[in-house]
Amino acid sequence: MYQTIFKGSGVALITPMNSDYTVNYELLEQLIEKQISRHTDAIIITGTTGEASTLSVKEQTEVIRFTVSRAAHRIPVIAGAGSNCTAHAVELSQQAQKAGANALLQVTPYYNKCSQAGLVSHFHAIAASTDLPIILYNIPSRTGVNILPQTYEQLCEAKNIVGVKEASGNFSQIAKIASICGSRLDIYSGNDDQITSALALGAKGVISVLANILPQETHDICESFFQGHPEISDELQLKYLELIEALFYDVNPIPVKQAVRYMGIPVGPCRLPLCEMEPVMAEKLLKVMKKYQLTDQKVEADFHGKASILHETGRSSTHFVRRHYQYANS
């Protein structure tokens, strides 16, 4: 039997980019150190927030390997290795294992919209291809597929399917999963605005976008609950609710990268097809960041009124397409 991979706050870490859209490894190392020093309990790399869908296999593997080396066994590194193609997910999972990941995050197949039987076959095939423990990722709003509670029961038959990031937002479903699967499947909240509610139903923690901005505070939401102080956990959850909502003013990870830049950390733009926030929404996000006293004044002044970081860098979107195609095929 696998032990719980982590308990508490796992950050869904962003992937910082240089102005030419290559991965900024120097800054990635700084982000990893910041997370560990502020008591984040696990790092989830190359997930949705890490823009895995626009990384080549070579890049994805290298980002995982780099993160594992810099984390240096201090906290678990969970690698996003999902795909809507089972064979590709198997390949990514095996590459992640070779790169040293402690566990895998496997999203439901997007676009294909397979049946529940298809989900079982897909995830069981991946589980059979690797020795690593697997956390499933259920986010029907993004993939168009929901894992039903009865399907989780079948998936638990694979000894290394040990957890789920539940981002369905359906608490009745979470309760049913906990009832059916019990200790065979650890549950993690996939929604930052629902951490304490998930913990009350027995969740082991959260896989968090918010932790990119407030790693210590997100850890504290979980730790307060575990230490028998749910009232403190609830207070923190409500305190940061407006910020949590602001981080989803646009498609993730567009707002969180913008927010980190407002903090003075030059994490660069998202890769296409994700583009910059509309100026009106960027201004709304800035106001929320200022309310929580999270902005860097110099960066705030620099960003104010600018519509796009692409304009600031003087780079066009076609530059990325051309450069990335050359890199991926080198």
C-alpha atoms as a PDB file:
ATOM      1  CA  MET A   1       0.000   0.000   0.000  1.00  0.00           C
ATOM      2  CA  TYR A   2       1.217   3.486  -0.836  1.00  0.00           C
ATOM      3  CA  GLN A   3       1.420   6.076   1.894  1.00  0.00           C
ATOM      4  CA  THR A   4      -0.155   9.507   1.519  1.00  0.00           C
ATOM      5  CA  ILE A   5       2.008  11.475  -0.923  1.00  0.00           C
ATOM      6  CA  PHE A   6       1.605  14.742   0.946  1.00  0.00           C
ATOM      7  CA  LYS A   7      -0.657  16.410   3.455  1.00  0.00           C
ATOM      8  CA  GLY A   8      -1.343  20.145   3.303  1.00  0.00           C
ATOM      9  CA  SER A   9      -0.703  22.647   0.523  1.00  0.00           C
ATOM     10  CA  GLY A  10       0.727  21.535  -2.804  1.00  0.00           C
ATOM     11  CA  VAL A  11       1.500  24.414  -5.133  1.00  0.00           C
ATOM     12  CA  ALA A  12       0.495  24.083  -8.784  1.00  0.00           C
ATOM     13  CA  LEU A  13       3.653  25.898  -9.793  1.00  0.00           C
ATOM     14  CA  ILE A  14       3.807  28.270 -12.745  1.00  0.00           C
ATOM     15  CA  THR A  15       6.546  27.832 -15.355  1.00  0.00           C
ATOM     16  CA  PRO A  16       8.506  31.094 -15.709  1.00  0.00           C
ATOM     17  CA  MET A  17       9.480  32.137 -19.227  1.00  0.00           C
ATOM     18  CA  ASN A  18      12.193  34.352 -20.648  1.00  0.00           C
ATOM     19  CA  SER A  19      11.265  37.112 -23.107  1.00  0.00           C
ATOM     20  CA  ASP A  20      11.976  34.680 -25.964  1.00  0.00           C
ATOM     21  CA  TYR A  21       9.548  32.147 -24.416  1.00  0.00           C
ATOM     22  CA  THR A  22      12.214  29.671 -23.362  1.00  0.00           C
ATOM     23  CA  VAL A  23      11.907  28.315 -19.814  1.00  0.00           C
ATOM     24  CA  ASN A  24      13.611  30.579 -17.279  1.00  0.00           C
ATOM     25  CA  TYR A  25      15.403  27.996 -15.141  1.00  0.00           C
ATOM     26  CA  GLU A  26      17.189  30.540 -12.986  1.00  0.00           C
ATOM     27  CA  LEU A  27      13.885  32.020 -11.908  1.00  0.00           C
ATOM     28  CA  LEU A  28      12.298  28.571 -11.590  1.00  0.00           C
ATOM     29  CA  GLU A  29      14.941  27.717  -9.007  1.00  0.00           C
ATOM     30  CA  GLN A  30      14.088  30.889  -7.075  1.00  0.00           C
ATOM     31  CA  LEU A  31      10.379  30.017  -7.126  1.00  0.00           C
ATOM     32  CA  ILE A  32      11.104  26.508  -5.835  1.00  0.00           C
ATOM     33  CA  GLU A  33      13.219  27.865  -2.984  1.00  0.00           C
ATOM     34  CA  LYS A  34      10.532  30.409  -2.085  1.00  0.00           C
ATOM     35  CA  GLN A  35       7.904  27.677  -1.890  1.00  0.00           C
ATOM     36  CA  ILE A  36      10.016  25.414   0.292  1.00  0.00           C
ATOM     37  CA  SER A  37      11.128  28.223   2.627  1.00  0.00           C
ATOM     38  CA  ARG A  38       7.474  29.199   3.149  1.00  0.00           C
ATOM     39  CA  HIS A  39       6.380  25.688   4.072  1.00  0.00           C
ATOM     40  CA  THR A  40       4.618  24.510   0.944  1.00  0.00           C
ATOM     41  CA  ASP A  41       4.128  20.774   1.419  1.00  0.00           C
ATOM     42  CA  ALA A  42       4.565  19.595  -2.203  1.00  0.00           C
ATOM     43  CA  ILE A  43       5.346  20.980  -5.641  1.00  0.00           C
ATOM     44  CA  ILE A  44       3.150  20.047  -8.573  1.00  0.00           C
ATOM     45  CA  ILE A  45       5.089  20.840 -11.730  1.00  0.00           C
ATOM     46  CA  THR A  46       4.045  20.769 -15.406  1.00  0.00           C
ATOM     47  CA  GLY A  47       0.351  20.810 -14.638  1.00  0.00           C
ATOM     48  CA  THR A  48      -2.305  23.111 -16.061  1.00  0.00           C
ATOM     49  CA  THR A  49      -0.875  26.079 -14.161  1.00  0.00           C
ATOM     50  CA  GLY A  50       2.592  25.109 -15.392  1.00  0.00           C
ATOM     51  CA  GLU A  51       1.460  25.312 -19.046  1.00  0.00           C
ATOM     52  CA  ALA A  52       2.292  21.682 -19.755  1.00  0.00           C
ATOM     53  CA  SER A  53       0.059  21.711 -22.833  1.00  0.00           C
ATOM     54  CA  THR A  54       2.473  24.077 -24.616  1.00  0.00           C
ATOM     55  CA  LEU A  55       5.715  22.422 -23.478  1.00  0.00           C
ATOM     56  CA  SER A  56       7.432  19.933 -25.751  1.00  0.00           C
ATOM     57  CA  VAL A  57       8.142  16.479 -24.289  1.00  0.00           C
ATOM     58  CA  LYS A  58      11.796  17.493 -24.080  1.00  0.00           C
ATOM     59  CA  GLU A  59      10.962  20.676 -22.187  1.00  0.00           C
ATOM     60  CA  GLN A  60       8.467  18.965 -19.896  1.00  0.00           C
ATOM     61  CA  THR A  61      10.963  16.272 -18.948  1.00  0.00           C
ATOM     62  CA  GLU A  62      13.716  18.807 -18.333  1.00  0.00           C
ATOM     63  CA  VAL A  63      11.466  21.000 -16.150  1.00  0.00           C
ATOM     64  CA  ILE A  64      10.580  17.948 -14.053  1.00  0.00           C
ATOM     65  CA  ARG A  65      14.222  16.859 -13.779  1.00  0.00           C
ATOM     66  CA  PHE A  66      15.312  20.365 -12.814  1.00  0.00           C
ATOM     67  CA  THR A  67      12.592  20.711 -10.169  1.00  0.00           C
ATOM     68  CA  VAL A  68      13.437  17.333  -8.653  1.00  0.00           C
ATOM     69  CA  SER A  69      17.119  18.250  -8.447  1.00  0.00           C
ATOM     70  CA  ARG A  70      16.447  21.624  -6.809  1.00  0.00           C
ATOM     71  CA  ALA A  71      13.823  20.291  -4.391  1.00  0.00           C
ATOM     72  CA  ALA A  72      16.461  17.754  -3.329  1.00  0.00           C
ATOM     73  CA  HIS A  73      14.067  15.448  -1.479  1.00  0.00           C
ATOM     74  CA  ARG A  74      12.940  18.228   0.881  1.00  0.00           C
ATOM     75  CA  ILE A  75       9.319  17.972  -0.299  1.00  0.00           C
ATOM     76  CA  PRO A  76       7.640  15.697  -2.861  1.00  0.00           C
ATOM     77  CA  VAL A  77       7.626  16.673  -6.538  1.00  0.00           C
ATOM     78  CA  ILE A  78       4.490  15.579  -8.376  1.00  0.00           C
ATOM     79  CA  ALA A  79       4.738  15.723 -12.149  1.00  0.00           C
ATOM     80  CA  GLY A  80       1.836  16.455 -14.446  1.00  0.00           C
ATOM     81  CA  ALA A  81       2.037  13.756 -17.108  1.00  0.00           C
ATOM     82  CA  GLY A  82      -1.482  13.572 -18.486  1.00  0.00           C
ATOM     83  CA  SER A  83      -2.730  13.491 -22.050  1.00  0.00           C
ATOM     84  CA  ASN A  84      -5.887  12.730 -23.983  1.00  0.00           C
ATOM     85  CA  CYS A  85      -3.863  10.053 -25.785  1.00  0.00           C
ATOM     86  CA  THR A  86      -3.219   7.060 -23.522  1.00  0.00           C
ATOM     87  CA  ALA A  87       0.010   6.098 -25.300  1.00  0.00           C
ATOM     88  CA  HIS A  88       1.333   9.649 -24.918  1.00  0.00           C
ATOM     89  CA  ALA A  89       0.379   9.740 -21.231  1.00  0.00           C
ATOM     90  CA  VAL A  90       2.278   6.472 -20.753  1.00  0.00           C
ATOM     91  CA  GLU A  91       5.323   7.987 -22.465  1.00  0.00           C
ATOM     92  CA  LEU A  92       5.156  11.154 -20.351  1.00  0.00           C
ATOM     93  CA  SER A  93       4.717   9.114 -17.167  1.00  0.00           C
ATOM     94  CA  GLN A  94       7.741   6.962 -17.897  1.00  0.00           C
ATOM     95  CA  GLN A  95       9.820  10.046 -18.708  1.00  0.00           C
ATOM     96  CA  ALA A  96       8.691  11.675 -15.438  1.00  0.00           C
ATOM     97  CA  GLN A  97       9.692   8.576 -13.499  1.00  0.00           C
ATOM     98  CA  LYS A  98      13.140   8.591 -15.123  1.00  0.00           C
ATOM     99  CA  ALA A  99      13.426  12.296 -14.246  1.00  0.00           C
ATOM    100  CA  GLY A 100      12.957  11.448 -10.573  1.00  0.00           C
ATOM    101  CA  ALA A 101       9.394  12.569  -9.844  1.00  0.00           C
ATOM    102  CA  ASN A 102       7.884  11.258  -6.608  1.00  0.00           C
ATOM    103  CA  ALA A 103       4.387  10.918  -8.044  1.00  0.00           C
ATOM    104  CA  LEU A 104       2.254  11.732 -11.078  1.00  0.00           C
ATOM    105  CA  LEU A 105      -0.783  13.913 -11.696  1.00  0.00           C
ATOM    106  CA  GLN A 106      -3.051  12.443 -14.388  1.00  0.00           C
ATOM    107  CA  VAL A 107      -5.827  14.568 -15.841  1.00  0.00           C
ATOM    108  CA  THR A 108      -8.929  13.105 -17.461  1.00  0.00           C
ATOM    109  CA  PRO A 109      -8.637  12.850 -21.258  1.00  0.00           C
ATOM    110  CA  TYR A 110      -9.777  16.185 -22.677  1.00  0.00           C
ATOM    111  CA  TYR A 111     -11.614  16.711 -25.978  1.00  0.00           C
ATOM    112  CA  ASN A 112     -12.101  12.956 -26.589  1.00  0.00           C
ATOM    113  CA  LYS A 113     -14.830  12.918 -23.892  1.00  0.00           C
ATOM    114  CA  CYS A 114     -14.492   9.180 -23.305  1.00  0.00           C
ATOM    115  CA  SER A 115     -16.973   7.047 -21.354  1.00  0.00           C
ATOM    116  CA  GLN A 116     -16.521   5.977 -17.745  1.00  0.00           C
ATOM    117  CA  ALA A 117     -15.300   2.596 -19.039  1.00  0.00           C
ATOM    118  CA  GLY A 118     -12.807   4.495 -21.181  1.00  0.00           C
ATOM    119  CA  LEU A 119     -11.570   6.380 -18.115  1.00  0.00           C
ATOM    120  CA  VAL A 120     -10.985   3.117 -16.266  1.00  0.00           C
ATOM    121  CA  SER A 121      -9.064   1.622 -19.193  1.00  0.00           C
ATOM    122  CA  HIS A 122      -7.058   4.827 -19.717  1.00  0.00           C
ATOM    123  CA  PHE A 123      -5.951   5.254 -16.117  1.00  0.00           C
ATOM    124  CA  HIS A 124      -5.336   1.550 -15.526  1.00  0.00           C
ATOM    125  CA  ALA A 125      -3.067   1.453 -18.589  1.00  0.00           C
ATOM    126  CA  ILE A 126      -1.062   4.386 -17.244  1.00  0.00           C
ATOM    127  CA  ALA A 127      -0.895   2.868 -13.756  1.00  0.00           C
ATOM    128  CA  ALA A 128       0.426  -0.405 -15.191  1.00  0.00           C
ATOM    129  CA  SER A 129       3.217   1.448 -17.017  1.00  0.00           C
ATOM    130  CA  THR A 130       4.853   3.049 -13.976  1.00  0.00           C
ATOM    131  CA  ASP A 131       5.837   2.312 -10.394  1.00  0.00           C
ATOM    132  CA  LEU A 132       4.973   5.825  -9.258  1.00  0.00           C
ATOM    133  CA  PRO A 133       1.880   6.647  -7.187  1.00  0.00           C
ATOM    134  CA  ILE A 134      -0.768   8.523  -9.167  1.00  0.00           C
ATOM    135  CA  ILE A 135      -3.103  11.374  -8.251  1.00  0.00           C
ATOM    136  CA  LEU A 136      -6.013  11.631 -10.680  1.00  0.00           C
ATOM    137  CA  TYR A 137      -7.147  15.094 -11.736  1.00  0.00           C
ATOM    138  CA  ASN A 138     -10.870  15.616 -12.198  1.00  0.00           C
ATOM    139  CA  ILE A 139     -11.731  19.012 -13.693  1.00  0.00           C
ATOM    140  CA  PRO A 140     -14.829  18.596 -15.867  1.00  0.00           C
ATOM    141  CA  SER A 141     -15.143  22.325 -16.587  1.00  0.00           C
ATOM    142  CA  ARG A 142     -11.861  22.157 -18.464  1.00  0.00           C
ATOM    143  CA  THR A 143     -11.886  18.658 -19.951  1.00  0.00           C
ATOM    144  CA  GLY A 144     -15.585  17.942 -20.507  1.00  0.00           C
ATOM    145  CA  VAL A 145     -15.358  14.660 -18.575  1.00  0.00           C
ATOM    146  CA  ASN A 146     -16.369  13.921 -14.978  1.00  0.00           C
ATOM    147  CA  ILE A 147     -15.125  10.916 -13.031  1.00  0.00           C
ATOM    148  CA  LEU A 148     -18.164   9.451 -11.257  1.00  0.00           C
ATOM    149  CA  PRO A 149     -17.823   8.146  -7.683  1.00  0.00           C
ATOM    150  CA  GLN A 150     -18.493   4.562  -8.785  1.00  0.00           C
ATOM    151  CA  THR A 151     -15.672   4.907 -11.335  1.00  0.00           C
ATOM    152  CA  TYR A 152     -13.251   5.932  -8.601  1.00  0.00           C
ATOM    153  CA  GLU A 153     -14.098   2.685  -6.855  1.00  0.00           C
ATOM    154  CA  GLN A 154     -12.970   0.743  -9.929  1.00  0.00           C
ATOM    155  CA  LEU A 155      -9.869   2.880 -10.333  1.00  0.00           C
ATOM    156  CA  CYS A 156      -8.824   2.111  -6.750  1.00  0.00           C
ATOM    157  CA  GLU A 157      -8.207  -1.455  -7.890  1.00  0.00           C
ATOM    158  CA  ALA A 158      -4.886  -0.226  -9.318  1.00  0.00           C
ATOM    159  CA  LYS A 159      -2.564  -0.254  -6.321  1.00  0.00           C
ATOM    160  CA  ASN A 160      -0.737   2.922  -7.349  1.00  0.00           C
ATOM    161  CA  ILE A 161      -3.816   5.085  -8.002  1.00  0.00           C
ATOM    162  CA  VAL A 162      -3.838   6.630  -4.564  1.00  0.00           C
ATOM    163  CA  GLY A 163      -5.357  10.106  -4.778  1.00  0.00           C
ATOM    164  CA  VAL A 164      -7.478  12.594  -6.658  1.00  0.00           C
ATOM    165  CA  LYS A 165      -7.408  16.333  -7.192  1.00  0.00           C
ATOM    166  CA  GLU A 166     -11.153  17.027  -7.202  1.00  0.00           C
ATOM    167  CA  ALA A 167     -11.950  20.246  -9.032  1.00  0.00           C
ATOM    168  CA  SER A 168     -15.537  19.405  -9.886  1.00  0.00           C
ATOM    169  CA  GLY A 169     -16.774  21.822  -7.222  1.00  0.00           C
ATOM    170  CA  ASN A 170     -19.444  19.263  -6.326  1.00  0.00           C
ATOM    171  CA  PHE A 171     -19.372  18.587  -2.599  1.00  0.00           C
ATOM    172  CA  SER A 172     -21.985  15.861  -2.848  1.00  0.00           C
ATOM    173  CA  GLN A 173     -19.639  14.067  -5.218  1.00  0.00           C
ATOM    174  CA  ILE A 174     -16.657  14.556  -2.899  1.00  0.00           C
ATOM    175  CA  ALA A 175     -18.647  13.152   0.011  1.00  0.00           C
ATOM    176  CA  LYS A 176     -19.684  10.153  -2.088  1.00  0.00           C
ATOM    177  CA  ILE A 177     -16.088   9.495  -3.162  1.00  0.00           C
ATOM    178  CA  ALA A 178     -14.950   9.613   0.462  1.00  0.00           C
ATOM    179  CA  SER A 179     -17.770   7.269   1.454  1.00  0.00           C
ATOM    180  CA  ILE A 180     -17.104   4.724  -1.296  1.00  0.00           C
ATOM    181  CA  CYS A 181     -13.301   4.751  -1.393  1.00  0.00           C
ATOM    182  CA  GLY A 182     -12.392   5.600   2.190  1.00  0.00           C
ATOM    183  CA  SER A 183      -8.674   5.325   2.962  1.00  0.00           C
ATOM    184  CA  ARG A 184      -7.926   3.820  -0.455  1.00  0.00           C
ATOM    185  CA  LEU A 185      -8.051   7.231  -2.144  1.00  0.00           C
ATOM    186  CA  ASP A 186      -6.705  10.504  -0.754  1.00  0.00           C
ATOM    187  CA  ILE A 187      -8.740  13.537  -1.794  1.00  0.00           C
ATOM    188  CA  TYR A 188      -7.223  16.962  -2.499  1.00  0.00           C
ATOM    189  CA  SER A 189      -9.251  20.079  -3.176  1.00  0.00           C
ATOM    190  CA  GLY A 190      -8.658  21.423  -6.667  1.00  0.00           C
ATOM    191  CA  ASN A 191     -10.387  24.719  -5.855  1.00  0.00           C
ATOM    192  CA  ASP A 192      -8.768  27.313  -3.604  1.00  0.00           C
ATOM    193  CA  ASP A 193     -12.138  28.730  -2.579  1.00  0.00           C
ATOM    194  CA  GLN A 194     -13.228  25.352  -1.189  1.00  0.00           C
ATOM    195  CA  ILE A 195     -10.212  24.200   0.828  1.00  0.00           C
ATOM    196  CA  THR A 196     -11.776  24.179   4.288  1.00  0.00           C
ATOM    197  CA  SER A 197     -14.983  22.570   3.074  1.00  0.00           C
ATOM    198  CA  ALA A 198     -13.001  19.756   1.434  1.00  0.00           C
ATOM    199  CA  LEU A 199     -10.895  19.307   4.568  1.00  0.00           C
ATOM    200  CA  ALA A 200     -14.094  18.935   6.599  1.00  0.00           C
ATOM    201  CA  LEU A 201     -15.030  15.999   4.339  1.00  0.00           C
ATOM    202  CA  GLY A 202     -11.683  14.338   4.971  1.00  0.00           C
ATOM    203  CA  ALA A 203      -9.482  15.806   2.230  1.00  0.00           C
ATOM    204  CA  LYS A 204      -5.730  15.649   2.802  1.00  0.00           C
ATOM    205  CA  GLY A 205      -5.121  19.157   1.482  1.00  0.00           C
ATOM    206  CA  VAL A 206      -5.181  21.270  -1.657  1.00  0.00           C
ATOM    207  CA  ILE A 207      -3.379  21.516  -4.981  1.00  0.00           C
ATOM    208  CA  SER A 208      -3.324  25.264  -5.172  1.00  0.00           C
ATOM    209  CA  VAL A 209      -2.961  28.172  -7.583  1.00  0.00           C
ATOM    210  CA  LEU A 210      -3.155  30.623  -4.664  1.00  0.00           C
ATOM    211  CA  ALA A 211       0.055  29.160  -3.211  1.00  0.00           C
ATOM    212  CA  ASN A 212       2.000  30.796  -6.054  1.00  0.00           C
ATOM    213  CA  ILE A 213       1.093  34.124  -4.426  1.00  0.00           C
ATOM    214  CA  LEU A 214       0.707  33.184  -0.737  1.00  0.00           C
ATOM    215  CA  PRO A 215       2.536  29.901  -0.041  1.00  0.00           C
ATOM    216  CA  GLN A 216       2.744  30.307   3.724  1.00  0.00           C
ATOM    217  CA  GLU A 217      -0.869  31.370   4.084  1.00  0.00           C
ATOM    218  CA  THR A 218      -2.159  28.494   1.952  1.00  0.00           C
ATOM    219  CA  HIS A 219      -0.135  26.071   4.061  1.00  0.00           C
ATOM    220  CA  ASP A 220      -1.600  27.693   7.179  1.00  0.00           C
ATOM    221  CA  ILE A 221      -5.183  27.185   5.989  1.00  0.00           C
ATOM    222  CA  CYS A 222      -4.534  23.447   5.952  1.00  0.00           C
ATOM    223  CA  GLU A 223      -2.265  23.230   8.985  1.00  0.00           C
ATOM    224  CA  SER A 224      -4.681  25.162  11.209  1.00  0.00           C
ATOM    225  CA  PHE A 225      -7.377  22.641  10.384  1.00  0.00           C
ATOM    226  CA  PHE A 226      -5.086  19.671  11.036  1.00  0.00           C
ATOM    227  CA  GLN A 227      -4.008  21.175  14.373  1.00  0.00           C
ATOM    228  CA  GLY A 228      -7.604  21.289  15.555  1.00  0.00           C
ATOM    229  CA  HIS A 229      -8.319  24.955  14.865  1.00  0.00           C
ATOM    230  CA  PRO A 230     -10.918  24.941  12.073  1.00  0.00           C
ATOM    231  CA  GLU A 231     -12.056  28.437  13.045  1.00  0.00           C
ATOM    232  CA  ILE A 232      -8.608  29.815  12.122  1.00  0.00           C
ATOM    233  CA  SER A 233      -8.657  27.827   8.898  1.00  0.00           C
ATOM    234  CA  ASP A 234     -12.083  29.233   8.023  1.00  0.00           C
ATOM    235  CA  GLU A 235     -10.960  32.761   8.874  1.00  0.00           C
ATOM    236  CA  LEU A 236      -7.988  32.518   6.505  1.00  0.00           C
ATOM    237  CA  GLN A 237     -10.129  30.948   3.774  1.00  0.00           C
ATOM    238  CA  LEU A 238     -12.557  33.862   3.910  1.00  0.00           C
ATOM    239  CA  LYS A 239      -9.817  36.475   4.270  1.00  0.00           C
ATOM    240  CA  TYR A 240      -8.291  35.527   0.929  1.00  0.00           C
ATOM    241  CA  LEU A 241     -11.493  34.743  -0.940  1.00  0.00           C
ATOM    242  CA  GLU A 242     -11.445  37.920  -3.053  1.00  0.00           C
ATOM    243  CA  LEU A 243      -7.855  37.242  -4.106  1.00  0.00           C
ATOM    244  CA  ILE A 244      -8.695  33.624  -4.951  1.00  0.00           C
ATOM    245  CA  GLU A 245     -11.537  34.809  -7.164  1.00  0.00           C
ATOM    246  CA  ALA A 246      -9.314  37.407  -8.836  1.00  0.00           C
ATOM    247  CA  LEU A 247      -6.825  34.704  -9.835  1.00  0.00           C
ATOM    248  CA  PHE A 248      -9.561  33.320 -12.088  1.00  0.00           C
ATOM    249  CA  TYR A 249     -10.614  36.552 -13.786  1.00  0.00           C
ATOM    250  CA  ASP A 250      -9.276  34.903 -16.931  1.00  0.00           C
ATOM    251  CA  VAL A 251      -8.226  31.403 -17.959  1.00  0.00           C
ATOM    252  CA  ASN A 252      -5.659  29.879 -15.604  1.00  0.00           C
ATOM    253  CA  PRO A 253      -2.682  30.523 -15.550  1.00  0.00           C
ATOM    254  CA  ILE A 254      -3.040  33.928 -17.233  1.00  0.00           C
ATOM    255  CA  PRO A 255      -4.097  35.845 -14.075  1.00  0.00           C
ATOM    256  CA  VAL A 256      -1.678  34.157 -11.678  1.00  0.00           C
ATOM    257  CA  LYS A 257       1.272  34.935 -13.931  1.00  0.00           C
ATOM    258  CA  GLN A 258       0.088  38.544 -14.166  1.00  0.00           C
ATOM    259  CA  ALA A 259      -0.270  38.645 -10.375  1.00  0.00           C
ATOM    260  CA  VAL A 260       3.247  37.316  -9.817  1.00  0.00           C
ATOM    261  CA  ARG A 261       4.580  39.968 -12.190  1.00  0.00           C
ATOM    262  CA  TYR A 262       2.744  42.610 -10.154  1.00  0.00           C
ATOM    263  CA  MET A 263       4.738  41.311  -7.178  1.00  0.00           C
ATOM    264  CA  GLY A 264       7.952  42.194  -8.984  1.00  0.00           C
ATOM    265  CA  ILE A 265       8.880  38.696 -10.137  1.00  0.00           C
ATOM    266  CA  PRO A 266       9.499  38.656 -13.931  1.00  0.00           C
ATOM    267  CA  VAL A 267       7.911  35.283 -14.737  1.00  0.00           C
ATOM    268  CA  GLY A 268       7.194  36.305 -18.321  1.00  0.00           C
ATOM    269  CA  PRO A 269       4.125  35.738 -20.456  1.00  0.00           C
ATOM    270  CA  CYS A 270       2.069  32.632 -21.112  1.00  0.00           C
ATOM    271  CA  ARG A 271       2.635  30.778 -24.344  1.00  0.00           C
ATOM    272  CA  LEU A 272       0.054  30.892 -27.084  1.00  0.00           C
ATOM    273  CA  PRO A 273      -2.808  30.245 -27.376  1.00  0.00           C
ATOM    274  CA  LEU A 274      -3.004  31.833 -23.906  1.00  0.00           C
ATOM    275  CA  CYS A 275      -2.513  35.566 -24.259  1.00  0.00           C
ATOM    276  CA  GLU A 276      -2.423  38.564 -21.947  1.00  0.00           C
ATOM    277  CA  MET A 277      -5.398  39.717 -19.894  1.00  0.00           C
ATOM    278  CA  GLU A 278      -7.651  42.400 -21.279  1.00  0.00           C
ATOM    279  CA  PRO A 279      -6.587  45.763 -19.791  1.00  0.00           C
ATOM    280  CA  VAL A 280      -9.843  46.186 -17.851  1.00  0.00           C
ATOM    281  CA  MET A 281      -9.459  42.806 -16.142  1.00  0.00           C
ATOM    282  CA  ALA A 282      -5.757  43.396 -15.536  1.00  0.00           C
ATOM    283  CA  GLU A 283      -6.675  46.642 -13.771  1.00  0.00           C
ATOM    284  CA  LYS A 284      -9.235  44.791 -11.627  1.00  0.00           C
ATOM    285  CA  LEU A 285      -6.612  42.220 -10.675  1.00  0.00           C
ATOM    286  CA  LEU A 286      -4.137  44.968  -9.823  1.00  0.00           C
ATOM    287  CA  LYS A 287      -6.657  46.620  -7.488  1.00  0.00           C
ATOM    288  CA  VAL A 288      -7.179  43.337  -5.625  1.00  0.00           C
ATOM    289  CA  MET A 289      -3.430  42.761  -5.350  1.00  0.00           C
ATOM    290  CA  LYS A 290      -3.027  46.292  -3.970  1.00  0.00           C
ATOM    291  CA  LYS A 291      -5.810  45.676  -1.456  1.00  0.00           C
ATOM    292  CA  TYR A 292      -3.816  42.738  -0.071  1.00  0.00           C
ATOM    293  CA  GLN A 293      -0.601  44.817  -0.187  1.00  0.00           C
ATOM    294  CA  LEU A 294       1.074  42.372  -2.548  1.00  0.00           C
ATOM    295  CA  THR A 295       2.280  44.680  -5.316  1.00  0.00           C
ATOM    296  CA  ASP A 296       5.748  45.995  -5.980  1.00  0.00           C
ATOM    297  CA  GLN A 297       5.398  49.757  -6.402  1.00  0.00           C
ATOM    298  CA  LYS A 298       7.979  50.088  -9.177  1.00  0.00           C
ATOM    299  CA  VAL A 299       6.516  47.212 -11.142  1.00  0.00           C
ATOM    300  CA  GLU A 300       3.004  48.490 -10.519  1.00  0.00           C
ATOM    301  CA  ALA A 301       3.918  51.829 -12.061  1.00  0.00           C
ATOM    302  CA  ASP A 302       5.611  50.116 -14.985  1.00  0.00           C
ATOM    303  CA  PHE A 303       2.660  47.850 -15.695  1.00  0.00           C
ATOM    304  CA  HIS A 304      -0.045  50.449 -15.159  1.00  0.00           C
ATOM    305  CA  GLY A 305      -1.903  51.188 -18.371  1.00  0.00           C
ATOM    306  CA  LYS A 306       0.090  48.732 -20.481  1.00  0.00           C
ATOM    307  CA  ALA A 307      -2.057  46.308 -22.386  1.00  0.00           C
ATOM    308  CA  SER A 308       0.413  43.504 -23.074  1.00  0.00           C
ATOM    309  CA  ILE A 309       3.807  42.260 -22.034  1.00  0.00           C
ATOM    310  CA  LEU A 310       4.313  41.286 -25.669  1.00  0.00           C
ATOM    311  CA  HIS A 311       4.442  44.986 -26.504  1.00  0.00           C
ATOM    312  CA  GLU A 312       6.869  45.635 -23.640  1.00  0.00           C
ATOM    313  CA  THR A 313       9.325  43.011 -24.848  1.00  0.00           C
ATOM    314  CA  GLY A 314       9.017  44.064 -28.460  1.00  0.00           C
ATOM    315  CA  ARG A 315       8.444  40.434 -29.424  1.00  0.00           C
ATOM    316  CA  SER A 316       5.631  39.240 -31.633  1.00  0.00           C
ATOM    317  CA  SER A 317       3.614  36.089 -31.102  1.00  0.00           C
ATOM    318  CA  THR A 318       4.966  34.735 -34.370  1.00  0.00           C
ATOM    319  CA  HIS A 319       8.462  34.908 -32.869  1.00  0.00           C
ATOM    320  CA  PHE A 320       7.456  32.309 -30.297  1.00  0.00           C
ATOM    321  CA  VAL A 321       5.795  30.046 -32.851  1.00  0.00           C
ATOM    322  CA  ARG A 322       8.869  30.083 -35.071  1.00  0.00           C
ATOM    323  CA  ARG A 323      11.367  29.638 -32.218  1.00  0.00           C
ATOM    324  CA  HIS A 324       9.427  26.925 -30.428  1.00  0.00           C
ATOM    325  CA  TYR A 325       8.906  24.907 -33.604  1.00  0.00           C
ATOM    326  CA  GLN A 326      12.658  24.969 -34.211  1.00  0.00           C
ATOM    327  CA  TYR A 327      13.371  23.959 -30.597  1.00  0.00           C
ATOM    328  CA  ALA A 328      10.829  21.147 -30.462  1.00  0.00           C
ATOM    329  CA  ASN A 329      12.219  19.641 -33.652  1.00  0.00           C
ATOM    330  CA  SER A 330      15.896  20.035 -32.820  1.00  0.00           C
END
